[in-house]
Amino acid sequence: DSEICRIDRGELPLSEAHDDVRWILARCEALREETGGYFD
């Protein structure tokens, strides 16, 4: 029932997730680009 699991299963649109969840996932994407995909 966590937001991360619900997003992963497609049950929770990212636009409806908690602000902190959206921030974390955006930061993960920025780090993926910064590290050449090694942090994913």
PDB file of all heavy atoms in Angstrom:
ATOM      1  N   ASP A   1       0.796  -1.215   0.000  1.00  0.00           N
ATOM      2  CA  ASP A   1       0.000   0.000   0.000  1.00  0.00           C
ATOM      3  C   ASP A   1       0.834   1.272   0.000  1.00  0.00           C
ATOM      4  O   ASP A   1       0.285   2.377   0.062  1.00  0.00           O
ATOM      5  CB  ASP A   1      -0.941   0.009   1.208  1.00  0.00           C
ATOM      6  CG  ASP A   1      -0.201  -0.059   2.548  1.00  0.00           C
ATOM      7  OD1 ASP A   1       0.991  -0.452   2.536  1.00  0.00           O
ATOM      8  OD2 ASP A   1      -0.801   0.267   3.580  1.00  0.00           O
ATOM      9  N   SER A   2       2.164   1.169  -0.067  1.00  0.00           N
ATOM     10  CA  SER A   2       2.995   2.383  -0.109  1.00  0.00           C
ATOM     11  C   SER A   2       2.793   3.102  -1.437  1.00  0.00           C
ATOM     12  O   SER A   2       2.396   2.499  -2.447  1.00  0.00           O
ATOM     13  CB  SER A   2       4.471   2.029   0.066  1.00  0.00           C
ATOM     14  OG  SER A   2       4.999   1.460  -1.126  1.00  0.00           O
ATOM     15  N   GLU A   3       3.067   4.393  -1.444  1.00  0.00           N
ATOM     16  CA  GLU A   3       2.904   5.148  -2.691  1.00  0.00           C
ATOM     17  C   GLU A   3       3.858   4.639  -3.771  1.00  0.00           C
ATOM     18  O   GLU A   3       3.503   4.597  -4.956  1.00  0.00           O
ATOM     19  CB  GLU A   3       3.094   6.647  -2.444  1.00  0.00           C
ATOM     20  CG  GLU A   3       1.984   7.268  -1.633  1.00  0.00           C
ATOM     21  CD  GLU A   3       1.828   8.769  -1.874  1.00  0.00           C
ATOM     22  OE1 GLU A   3       2.506   9.313  -2.762  1.00  0.00           O
ATOM     23  OE2 GLU A   3       0.995   9.372  -1.164  1.00  0.00           O
ATOM     24  N   ILE A   4       5.065   4.247  -3.379  1.00  0.00           N
ATOM     25  CA  ILE A   4       6.024   3.753  -4.361  1.00  0.00           C
ATOM     26  C   ILE A   4       5.517   2.475  -5.024  1.00  0.00           C
ATOM     27  O   ILE A   4       5.566   2.327  -6.258  1.00  0.00           O
ATOM     28  CB  ILE A   4       7.393   3.507  -3.697  1.00  0.00           C
ATOM     29  CG1 ILE A   4       8.043   4.845  -3.324  1.00  0.00           C
ATOM     30  CG2 ILE A   4       8.317   2.717  -4.621  1.00  0.00           C
ATOM     31  CD1 ILE A   4       8.289   5.788  -4.492  1.00  0.00           C
ATOM     32  N   CYS A   5       4.999   1.534  -4.249  1.00  0.00           N
ATOM     33  CA  CYS A   5       4.475   0.296  -4.822  1.00  0.00           C
ATOM     34  C   CYS A   5       3.242   0.569  -5.686  1.00  0.00           C
ATOM     35  O   CYS A   5       3.063  -0.052  -6.748  1.00  0.00           O
ATOM     36  CB  CYS A   5       4.138  -0.707  -3.721  1.00  0.00           C
ATOM     37  SG  CYS A   5       5.601  -1.469  -2.959  1.00  0.00           S
ATOM     38  N   ARG A   6       2.393   1.472  -5.261  1.00  0.00           N
ATOM     39  CA  ARG A   6       1.192   1.787  -6.036  1.00  0.00           C
ATOM     40  C   ARG A   6       1.556   2.471  -7.349  1.00  0.00           C
ATOM     41  O   ARG A   6       0.941   2.194  -8.390  1.00  0.00           O
ATOM     42  CB  ARG A   6       0.258   2.662  -5.201  1.00  0.00           C
ATOM     43  CG  ARG A   6      -0.364   1.923  -4.012  1.00  0.00           C
ATOM     44  CD  ARG A   6      -1.051   2.884  -3.077  1.00  0.00           C
ATOM     45  NE  ARG A   6      -2.125   3.594  -3.751  1.00  0.00           N
ATOM     46  CZ  ARG A   6      -2.561   4.795  -3.390  1.00  0.00           C
ATOM     47  NH1 ARG A   6      -1.996   5.434  -2.350  1.00  0.00           N
ATOM     48  NH2 ARG A   6      -3.533   5.375  -4.045  1.00  0.00           N
ATOM     49  N   ILE A   7       2.569   3.339  -7.337  1.00  0.00           N
ATOM     50  CA  ILE A   7       3.043   3.956  -8.583  1.00  0.00           C
ATOM     51  C   ILE A   7       3.627   2.898  -9.499  1.00  0.00           C
ATOM     52  O   ILE A   7       3.364   2.870 -10.709  1.00  0.00           O
ATOM     53  CB  ILE A   7       4.080   5.052  -8.281  1.00  0.00           C
ATOM     54  CG1 ILE A   7       3.419   6.255  -7.603  1.00  0.00           C
ATOM     55  CG2 ILE A   7       4.789   5.504  -9.566  1.00  0.00           C
ATOM     56  CD1 ILE A   7       4.405   7.277  -7.060  1.00  0.00           C
ATOM     57  N   ASP A   8       4.414   1.997  -8.919  1.00  0.00           N
ATOM     58  CA  ASP A   8       5.071   0.957  -9.719  1.00  0.00           C
ATOM     59  C   ASP A   8       4.040   0.048 -10.400  1.00  0.00           C
ATOM     60  O   ASP A   8       4.257  -0.417 -11.524  1.00  0.00           O
ATOM     61  CB  ASP A   8       5.998   0.136  -8.820  1.00  0.00           C
ATOM     62  CG  ASP A   8       6.956  -0.734  -9.605  1.00  0.00           C
ATOM     63  OD1 ASP A   8       7.422  -0.299 -10.686  1.00  0.00           O
ATOM     64  OD2 ASP A   8       7.254  -1.853  -9.159  1.00  0.00           O
ATOM     65  N   ARG A   9       2.917  -0.209  -9.733  1.00  0.00           N
ATOM     66  CA  ARG A   9       1.872  -1.067 -10.310  1.00  0.00           C
ATOM     67  C   ARG A   9       0.933  -0.298 -11.231  1.00  0.00           C
ATOM     68  O   ARG A   9       0.016  -0.876 -11.814  1.00  0.00           O
ATOM     69  CB  ARG A   9       1.047  -1.713  -9.181  1.00  0.00           C
ATOM     70  CG  ARG A   9       1.809  -2.715  -8.342  1.00  0.00           C
ATOM     71  CD  ARG A   9       0.835  -3.554  -7.498  1.00  0.00           C
ATOM     72  NE  ARG A   9       0.005  -2.714  -6.644  1.00  0.00           N
ATOM     73  CZ  ARG A   9       0.281  -2.413  -5.374  1.00  0.00           C
ATOM     74  NH1 ARG A   9       1.402  -2.873  -4.817  1.00  0.00           N
ATOM     75  NH2 ARG A   9      -0.535  -1.664  -4.660  1.00  0.00           N
ATOM     76  N   GLY A  10       1.135   1.018 -11.336  1.00  0.00           N
ATOM     77  CA  GLY A  10       0.276   1.823 -12.190  1.00  0.00           C
ATOM     78  C   GLY A  10      -1.038   2.208 -11.550  1.00  0.00           C
ATOM     79  O   GLY A  10      -1.965   2.668 -12.236  1.00  0.00           O
ATOM     80  N   GLU A  11      -1.149   2.047 -10.235  1.00  0.00           N
ATOM     81  CA  GLU A  11      -2.398   2.334  -9.528  1.00  0.00           C
ATOM     82  C   GLU A  11      -2.485   3.774  -9.041  1.00  0.00           C
ATOM     83  O   GLU A  11      -3.581   4.260  -8.739  1.00  0.00           O
ATOM     84  CB  GLU A  11      -2.544   1.394  -8.332  1.00  0.00           C
ATOM     85  CG  GLU A  11      -2.639  -0.074  -8.710  1.00  0.00           C
ATOM     86  CD  GLU A  11      -2.613  -0.996  -7.503  1.00  0.00           C
ATOM     87  OE1 GLU A  11      -2.578  -0.495  -6.360  1.00  0.00           O
ATOM     88  OE2 GLU A  11      -2.629  -2.223  -7.720  1.00  0.00           O
ATOM     89  N   LEU A  12      -1.337   4.451  -8.940  1.00  0.00           N
ATOM     90  CA  LEU A  12      -1.302   5.826  -8.450  1.00  0.00           C
ATOM     91  C   LEU A  12      -0.589   6.696  -9.480  1.00  0.00           C
ATOM     92  O   LEU A  12       0.628   6.544  -9.694  1.00  0.00           O
ATOM     93  CB  LEU A  12      -0.575   5.907  -7.104  1.00  0.00           C
ATOM     94  CG  LEU A  12      -0.388   7.308  -6.508  1.00  0.00           C
ATOM     95  CD1 LEU A  12      -1.743   7.923  -6.149  1.00  0.00           C
ATOM     96  CD2 LEU A  12       0.517   7.251  -5.269  1.00  0.00           C
ATOM     97  N   PRO A  13      -1.292   7.619 -10.134  1.00  0.00           N
ATOM     98  CA  PRO A  13      -0.619   8.527 -11.069  1.00  0.00           C
ATOM     99  C   PRO A  13       0.390   9.400 -10.322  1.00  0.00           C
ATOM    100  O   PRO A  13       0.130   9.832  -9.192  1.00  0.00           O
ATOM    101  CB  PRO A  13      -1.768   9.369 -11.639  1.00  0.00           C
ATOM    102  CG  PRO A  13      -3.010   8.595 -11.349  1.00  0.00           C
ATOM    103  CD  PRO A  13      -2.746   7.841 -10.087  1.00  0.00           C
ATOM    104  N   LEU A  14       1.521   9.645 -10.954  1.00  0.00           N
ATOM    105  CA  LEU A  14       2.548  10.455 -10.295  1.00  0.00           C
ATOM    106  C   LEU A  14       2.011  11.827  -9.916  1.00  0.00           C
ATOM    107  O   LEU A  14       2.380  12.381  -8.878  1.00  0.00           O
ATOM    108  CB  LEU A  14       3.765  10.591 -11.215  1.00  0.00           C
ATOM    109  CG  LEU A  14       4.991  11.297 -10.624  1.00  0.00           C
ATOM    110  CD1 LEU A  14       5.471  10.587  -9.364  1.00  0.00           C
ATOM    111  CD2 LEU A  14       6.112  11.375 -11.652  1.00  0.00           C
ATOM    112  N   SER A  15       1.117  12.362 -10.716  1.00  0.00           N
ATOM    113  CA  SER A  15       0.555  13.688 -10.448  1.00  0.00           C
ATOM    114  C   SER A  15      -0.259  13.723  -9.160  1.00  0.00           C
ATOM    115  O   SER A  15      -0.481  14.792  -8.587  1.00  0.00           O
ATOM    116  CB  SER A  15      -0.320  14.135 -11.620  1.00  0.00           C
ATOM    117  OG  SER A  15      -1.398  13.220 -11.807  1.00  0.00           O
ATOM    118  N   GLU A  16      -0.709  12.541  -8.690  1.00  0.00           N
ATOM    119  CA  GLU A  16      -1.507  12.480  -7.467  1.00  0.00           C
ATOM    120  C   GLU A  16      -0.686  12.029  -6.259  1.00  0.00           C
ATOM    121  O   GLU A  16      -1.227  11.909  -5.155  1.00  0.00           O
ATOM    122  CB  GLU A  16      -2.691  11.524  -7.665  1.00  0.00           C
ATOM    123  CG  GLU A  16      -3.657  11.980  -8.748  1.00  0.00           C
ATOM    124  CD  GLU A  16      -4.801  11.007  -8.953  1.00  0.00           C
ATOM    125  OE1 GLU A  16      -4.992  10.119  -8.091  1.00  0.00           O
ATOM    126  OE2 GLU A  16      -5.503  11.134  -9.973  1.00  0.00           O
ATOM    127  N   ALA A  17       0.605  11.792  -6.450  1.00  0.00           N
ATOM    128  CA  ALA A  17       1.461  11.342  -5.352  1.00  0.00           C
ATOM    129  C   ALA A  17       1.811  12.505  -4.435  1.00  0.00           C
ATOM    130  O   ALA A  17       1.660  13.689  -4.787  1.00  0.00           O
ATOM    131  CB  ALA A  17       2.733  10.711  -5.907  1.00  0.00           C
ATOM    132  N   HIS A  18       2.295  12.167  -3.238  1.00  0.00           N
ATOM    133  CA  HIS A  18       2.734  13.181  -2.278  1.00  0.00           C
ATOM    134  C   HIS A  18       3.855  14.021  -2.881  1.00  0.00           C
ATOM    135  O   HIS A  18       4.655  13.531  -3.696  1.00  0.00           O
ATOM    136  CB  HIS A  18       3.224  12.486  -1.002  1.00  0.00           C
ATOM    137  CG  HIS A  18       3.437  13.408   0.147  1.00  0.00           C
ATOM    138  ND1 HIS A  18       4.562  14.193   0.289  1.00  0.00           N
ATOM    139  CD2 HIS A  18       2.654  13.677   1.240  1.00  0.00           C
ATOM    140  CE1 HIS A  18       4.477  14.893   1.403  1.00  0.00           C
ATOM    141  NE2 HIS A  18       3.333  14.603   2.006  1.00  0.00           N
ATOM    142  N   ASP A  19       3.929  15.285  -2.488  1.00  0.00           N
ATOM    143  CA  ASP A  19       4.961  16.189  -3.010  1.00  0.00           C
ATOM    144  C   ASP A  19       6.357  15.605  -2.816  1.00  0.00           C
ATOM    145  O   ASP A  19       7.218  15.730  -3.703  1.00  0.00           O
ATOM    146  CB  ASP A  19       4.880  17.553  -2.317  1.00  0.00           C
ATOM    147  CG  ASP A  19       3.675  18.361  -2.758  1.00  0.00           C
ATOM    148  OD1 ASP A  19       3.015  17.954  -3.743  1.00  0.00           O
ATOM    149  OD2 ASP A  19       3.387  19.393  -2.120  1.00  0.00           O
ATOM    150  N   ASP A  20       6.611  15.002  -1.650  1.00  0.00           N
ATOM    151  CA  ASP A  20       7.937  14.436  -1.386  1.00  0.00           C
ATOM    152  C   ASP A  20       8.234  13.274  -2.329  1.00  0.00           C
ATOM    153  O   ASP A  20       9.383  13.082  -2.748  1.00  0.00           O
ATOM    154  CB  ASP A  20       8.040  13.961   0.068  1.00  0.00           C
ATOM    155  CG  ASP A  20       8.193  15.120   1.046  1.00  0.00           C
ATOM    156  OD1 ASP A  20       8.556  16.224   0.604  1.00  0.00           O
ATOM    157  OD2 ASP A  20       7.945  14.902   2.246  1.00  0.00           O
ATOM    158  N   VAL A  21       7.231  12.480  -2.653  1.00  0.00           N
ATOM    159  CA  VAL A  21       7.431  11.365  -3.582  1.00  0.00           C
ATOM    160  C   VAL A  21       7.785  11.898  -4.960  1.00  0.00           C
ATOM    161  O   VAL A  21       8.716  11.399  -5.619  1.00  0.00           O
ATOM    162  CB  VAL A  21       6.176  10.477  -3.641  1.00  0.00           C
ATOM    163  CG1 VAL A  21       6.303   9.422  -4.735  1.00  0.00           C
ATOM    164  CG2 VAL A  21       5.935   9.811  -2.284  1.00  0.00           C
ATOM    165  N   ARG A  22       7.072  12.900  -5.408  1.00  0.00           N
ATOM    166  CA  ARG A  22       7.367  13.485  -6.728  1.00  0.00           C
ATOM    167  C   ARG A  22       8.772  14.074  -6.743  1.00  0.00           C
ATOM    168  O   ARG A  22       9.514  13.936  -7.724  1.00  0.00           O
ATOM    169  CB  ARG A  22       6.326  14.537  -7.099  1.00  0.00           C
ATOM    170  CG  ARG A  22       4.933  13.966  -7.288  1.00  0.00           C
ATOM    171  CD  ARG A  22       4.065  14.881  -8.142  1.00  0.00           C
ATOM    172  NE  ARG A  22       3.968  16.219  -7.578  1.00  0.00           N
ATOM    173  CZ  ARG A  22       3.047  16.585  -6.688  1.00  0.00           C
ATOM    174  NH1 ARG A  22       2.151  15.706  -6.249  1.00  0.00           N
ATOM    175  NH2 ARG A  22       3.000  17.816  -6.228  1.00  0.00           N
ATOM    176  N   TRP A  23       9.165  14.733  -5.625  1.00  0.00           N
ATOM    177  CA  TRP A  23      10.504  15.328  -5.572  1.00  0.00           C
ATOM    178  C   TRP A  23      11.579  14.247  -5.629  1.00  0.00           C
ATOM    179  O   TRP A  23      12.572  14.383  -6.355  1.00  0.00           O
ATOM    180  CB  TRP A  23      10.668  16.160  -4.303  1.00  0.00           C
ATOM    181  CG  TRP A  23      11.973  16.902  -4.272  1.00  0.00           C
ATOM    182  CD1 TRP A  23      12.210  18.163  -4.732  1.00  0.00           C
ATOM    183  CD2 TRP A  23      13.229  16.402  -3.780  1.00  0.00           C
ATOM    184  NE1 TRP A  23      13.538  18.482  -4.560  1.00  0.00           N
ATOM    185  CE2 TRP A  23      14.186  17.425  -3.985  1.00  0.00           C
ATOM    186  CE3 TRP A  23      13.640  15.211  -3.191  1.00  0.00           C
ATOM    187  CZ2 TRP A  23      15.522  17.286  -3.606  1.00  0.00           C
ATOM    188  CZ3 TRP A  23      14.977  15.061  -2.837  1.00  0.00           C
ATOM    189  CH2 TRP A  23      15.900  16.087  -3.034  1.00  0.00           C
ATOM    190  N   ILE A  24      11.393  13.188  -4.853  1.00  0.00           N
ATOM    191  CA  ILE A  24      12.381  12.106  -4.827  1.00  0.00           C
ATOM    192  C   ILE A  24      12.544  11.490  -6.215  1.00  0.00           C
ATOM    193  O   ILE A  24      13.670  11.251  -6.690  1.00  0.00           O
ATOM    194  CB  ILE A  24      11.974  11.026  -3.799  1.00  0.00           C
ATOM    195  CG1 ILE A  24      12.319  11.480  -2.379  1.00  0.00           C
ATOM    196  CG2 ILE A  24      12.653   9.698  -4.094  1.00  0.00           C
ATOM    197  CD1 ILE A  24      13.799  11.490  -2.055  1.00  0.00           C
ATOM    198  N   LEU A  25      11.445  11.212  -6.897  1.00  0.00           N
ATOM    199  CA  LEU A  25      11.541  10.578  -8.204  1.00  0.00           C
ATOM    200  C   LEU A  25      12.164  11.515  -9.233  1.00  0.00           C
ATOM    201  O   LEU A  25      12.924  11.073 -10.114  1.00  0.00           O
ATOM    202  CB  LEU A  25      10.161  10.091  -8.657  1.00  0.00           C
ATOM    203  CG  LEU A  25       9.565   8.984  -7.784  1.00  0.00           C
ATOM    204  CD1 LEU A  25       8.212   8.535  -8.331  1.00  0.00           C
ATOM    205  CD2 LEU A  25      10.519   7.799  -7.672  1.00  0.00           C
ATOM    206  N   ALA A  26      11.905  12.811  -9.107  1.00  0.00           N
ATOM    207  CA  ALA A  26      12.554  13.770 -10.001  1.00  0.00           C
ATOM    208  C   ALA A  26      14.050  13.847  -9.718  1.00  0.00           C
ATOM    209  O   ALA A  26      14.871  13.929 -10.649  1.00  0.00           O
ATOM    210  CB  ALA A  26      11.913  15.149  -9.844  1.00  0.00           C
ATOM    211  N   ARG A  27      14.416  13.805  -8.459  1.00  0.00           N
ATOM    212  CA  ARG A  27      15.837  13.839  -8.093  1.00  0.00           C
ATOM    213  C   ARG A  27      16.530  12.556  -8.548  1.00  0.00           C
ATOM    214  O   ARG A  27      17.683  12.600  -9.016  1.00  0.00           O
ATOM    215  CB  ARG A  27      15.975  14.013  -6.582  1.00  0.00           C
ATOM    216  CG  ARG A  27      17.404  14.028  -6.061  1.00  0.00           C
ATOM    217  CD  ARG A  27      18.196  15.191  -6.579  1.00  0.00           C
ATOM    218  NE  ARG A  27      19.532  15.229  -6.008  1.00  0.00           N
ATOM    219  CZ  ARG A  27      20.614  15.623  -6.664  1.00  0.00           C
ATOM    220  NH1 ARG A  27      20.517  16.039  -7.927  1.00  0.00           N
ATOM    221  NH2 ARG A  27      21.792  15.625  -6.077  1.00  0.00           N
ATOM    222  N   CYS A  28      15.853  11.425  -8.454  1.00  0.00           N
ATOM    223  CA  CYS A  28      16.429  10.170  -8.956  1.00  0.00           C
ATOM    224  C   CYS A  28      16.719  10.273 -10.447  1.00  0.00           C
ATOM    225  O   CYS A  28      17.756   9.801 -10.924  1.00  0.00           O
ATOM    226  CB  CYS A  28      15.473   9.006  -8.692  1.00  0.00           C
ATOM    227  SG  CYS A  28      15.464   8.387  -6.984  1.00  0.00           S
ATOM    228  N   GLU A  29      15.798  10.871 -11.185  1.00  0.00           N
ATOM    229  CA  GLU A  29      16.006  11.006 -12.622  1.00  0.00           C
ATOM    230  C   GLU A  29      17.186  11.937 -12.913  1.00  0.00           C
ATOM    231  O   GLU A  29      17.997  11.661 -13.805  1.00  0.00           O
ATOM    232  CB  GLU A  29      14.737  11.537 -13.284  1.00  0.00           C
ATOM    233  CG  GLU A  29      14.858  11.775 -14.785  1.00  0.00           C
ATOM    234  CD  GLU A  29      15.257  10.533 -15.575  1.00  0.00           C
ATOM    235  OE1 GLU A  29      15.024   9.406 -15.098  1.00  0.00           O
ATOM    236  OE2 GLU A  29      15.800  10.700 -16.689  1.00  0.00           O
ATOM    237  N   ALA A  30      17.294  13.031 -12.147  1.00  0.00           N
ATOM    238  CA  ALA A  30      18.427  13.941 -12.327  1.00  0.00           C
ATOM    239  C   ALA A  30      19.749  13.235 -12.033  1.00  0.00           C
ATOM    240  O   ALA A  30      20.748  13.421 -12.743  1.00  0.00           O
ATOM    241  CB  ALA A  30      18.261  15.171 -11.435  1.00  0.00           C
ATOM    242  N   LEU A  31      19.771  12.409 -10.981  1.00  0.00           N
ATOM    243  CA  LEU A  31      20.982  11.659 -10.637  1.00  0.00           C
ATOM    244  C   LEU A  31      21.289  10.590 -11.680  1.00  0.00           C
ATOM    245  O   LEU A  31      22.453  10.308 -11.963  1.00  0.00           O
ATOM    246  CB  LEU A  31      20.830  11.032  -9.255  1.00  0.00           C
ATOM    247  CG  LEU A  31      20.977  11.999  -8.083  1.00  0.00           C
ATOM    248  CD1 LEU A  31      20.393  11.397  -6.809  1.00  0.00           C
ATOM    249  CD2 LEU A  31      22.438  12.384  -7.864  1.00  0.00           C
ATOM    250  N   ARG A  32      20.253   9.986 -12.260  1.00  0.00           N
ATOM    251  CA  ARG A  32      20.485   9.007 -13.325  1.00  0.00           C
ATOM    252  C   ARG A  32      21.224   9.664 -14.494  1.00  0.00           C
ATOM    253  O   ARG A  32      22.184   9.102 -15.039  1.00  0.00           O
ATOM    254  CB  ARG A  32      19.157   8.413 -13.803  1.00  0.00           C
ATOM    255  CG  ARG A  32      19.319   7.250 -14.784  1.00  0.00           C
ATOM    256  CD  ARG A  32      17.982   6.835 -15.379  1.00  0.00           C
ATOM    257  NE  ARG A  32      17.438   7.900 -16.206  1.00  0.00           N
ATOM    258  CZ  ARG A  32      17.820   8.125 -17.472  1.00  0.00           C
ATOM    259  NH1 ARG A  32      18.744   7.365 -18.036  1.00  0.00           N
ATOM    260  NH2 ARG A  32      17.272   9.103 -18.155  1.00  0.00           N
ATOM    261  N   GLU A  33      20.787  10.858 -14.852  1.00  0.00           N
ATOM    262  CA  GLU A  33      21.451  11.571 -15.944  1.00  0.00           C
ATOM    263  C   GLU A  33      22.857  11.997 -15.556  1.00  0.00           C
ATOM    264  O   GLU A  33      23.802  11.864 -16.344  1.00  0.00           O
ATOM    265  CB  GLU A  33      20.612  12.783 -16.353  1.00  0.00           C
ATOM    266  CG  GLU A  33      19.252  12.426 -16.942  1.00  0.00           C
ATOM    267  CD  GLU A  33      18.448  13.645 -17.324  1.00  0.00           C
ATOM    268  OE1 GLU A  33      18.975  14.776 -17.204  1.00  0.00           O
ATOM    269  OE2 GLU A  33      17.283  13.482 -17.749  1.00  0.00           O
ATOM    270  N   GLU A  34      23.026  12.491 -14.324  1.00  0.00           N
ATOM    271  CA  GLU A  34      24.336  12.980 -13.864  1.00  0.00           C
ATOM    272  C   GLU A  34      25.364  11.847 -13.802  1.00  0.00           C
ATOM    273  O   GLU A  34      26.555  12.069 -14.059  1.00  0.00           O
ATOM    274  CB  GLU A  34      24.193  13.619 -12.479  1.00  0.00           C
ATOM    275  CG  GLU A  34      25.487  14.179 -11.917  1.00  0.00           C
ATOM    276  CD  GLU A  34      25.345  14.743 -10.519  1.00  0.00           C
ATOM    277  OE1 GLU A  34      24.208  14.822 -10.002  1.00  0.00           O
ATOM    278  OE2 GLU A  34      26.379  15.114  -9.931  1.00  0.00           O
ATOM    279  N   THR A  35      24.908  10.649 -13.457  1.00  0.00           N
ATOM    280  CA  THR A  35      25.840   9.527 -13.275  1.00  0.00           C
ATOM    281  C   THR A  35      25.950   8.646 -14.526  1.00  0.00           C
ATOM    282  O   THR A  35      26.525   7.557 -14.456  1.00  0.00           O
ATOM    283  CB  THR A  35      25.399   8.651 -12.093  1.00  0.00           C
ATOM    284  OG1 THR A  35      24.108   8.077 -12.375  1.00  0.00           O
ATOM    285  CG2 THR A  35      25.337   9.451 -10.801  1.00  0.00           C
ATOM    286  N   GLY A  36      25.410   9.091 -15.632  1.00  0.00           N
ATOM    287  CA  GLY A  36      25.477   8.291 -16.842  1.00  0.00           C
ATOM    288  C   GLY A  36      24.683   6.998 -16.750  1.00  0.00           C
ATOM    289  O   GLY A  36      25.015   6.008 -17.400  1.00  0.00           O
ATOM    290  N   GLY A  37      23.617   7.025 -15.939  1.00  0.00           N
ATOM    291  CA  GLY A  37      22.753   5.864 -15.805  1.00  0.00           C
ATOM    292  C   GLY A  37      23.180   4.878 -14.739  1.00  0.00           C
ATOM    293  O   GLY A  37      22.489   3.868 -14.525  1.00  0.00           O
ATOM    294  N   TYR A  38      24.297   5.129 -14.043  1.00  0.00           N
ATOM    295  CA  TYR A  38      24.763   4.167 -13.031  1.00  0.00           C
ATOM    296  C   TYR A  38      23.961   4.237 -11.739  1.00  0.00           C
ATOM    297  O   TYR A  38      23.938   3.267 -10.981  1.00  0.00           O
ATOM    298  CB  TYR A  38      26.253   4.363 -12.765  1.00  0.00           C
ATOM    299  CG  TYR A  38      27.114   3.789 -13.860  1.00  0.00           C
ATOM    300  CD1 TYR A  38      27.605   4.597 -14.874  1.00  0.00           C
ATOM    301  CD2 TYR A  38      27.407   2.427 -13.900  1.00  0.00           C
ATOM    302  CE1 TYR A  38      28.385   4.070 -15.902  1.00  0.00           C
ATOM    303  CE2 TYR A  38      28.182   1.892 -14.912  1.00  0.00           C
ATOM    304  CZ  TYR A  38      28.661   2.716 -15.910  1.00  0.00           C
ATOM    305  OH  TYR A  38      29.411   2.190 -16.936  1.00  0.00           O
ATOM    306  N   PHE A  39      23.341   5.382 -11.465  1.00  0.00           N
ATOM    307  CA  PHE A  39      22.353   5.431 -10.376  1.00  0.00           C
ATOM    308  C   PHE A  39      20.992   5.419 -11.054  1.00  0.00           C
ATOM    309  O   PHE A  39      20.628   6.357 -11.756  1.00  0.00           O
ATOM    310  CB  PHE A  39      22.509   6.683  -9.515  1.00  0.00           C
ATOM    311  CG  PHE A  39      21.503   6.749  -8.398  1.00  0.00           C
ATOM    312  CD1 PHE A  39      21.764   6.140  -7.181  1.00  0.00           C
ATOM    313  CD2 PHE A  39      20.282   7.394  -8.569  1.00  0.00           C
ATOM    314  CE1 PHE A  39      20.822   6.175  -6.152  1.00  0.00           C
ATOM    315  CE2 PHE A  39      19.340   7.431  -7.548  1.00  0.00           C
ATOM    316  CZ  PHE A  39      19.616   6.828  -6.340  1.00  0.00           C
ATOM    317  N   ASP A  40      20.255   4.347 -10.855  1.00  0.00           N
ATOM    318  CA  ASP A  40      18.997   4.168 -11.578  1.00  0.00           C
ATOM    319  C   ASP A  40      17.967   3.557 -10.640  1.00  0.00           C
ATOM    320  O   ASP A  40      18.146   2.435 -10.154  1.00  0.00           O
ATOM    321  CB  ASP A  40      19.218   3.259 -12.792  1.00  0.00           C
ATOM    322  CG  ASP A  40      18.010   3.208 -13.716  1.00  0.00           C
ATOM    323  OD1 ASP A  40      16.910   3.615 -13.292  1.00  0.00           O
ATOM    324  OD2 ASP A  40      18.165   2.753 -14.861  1.00  0.00           O
TER     325      ASP A  40
END
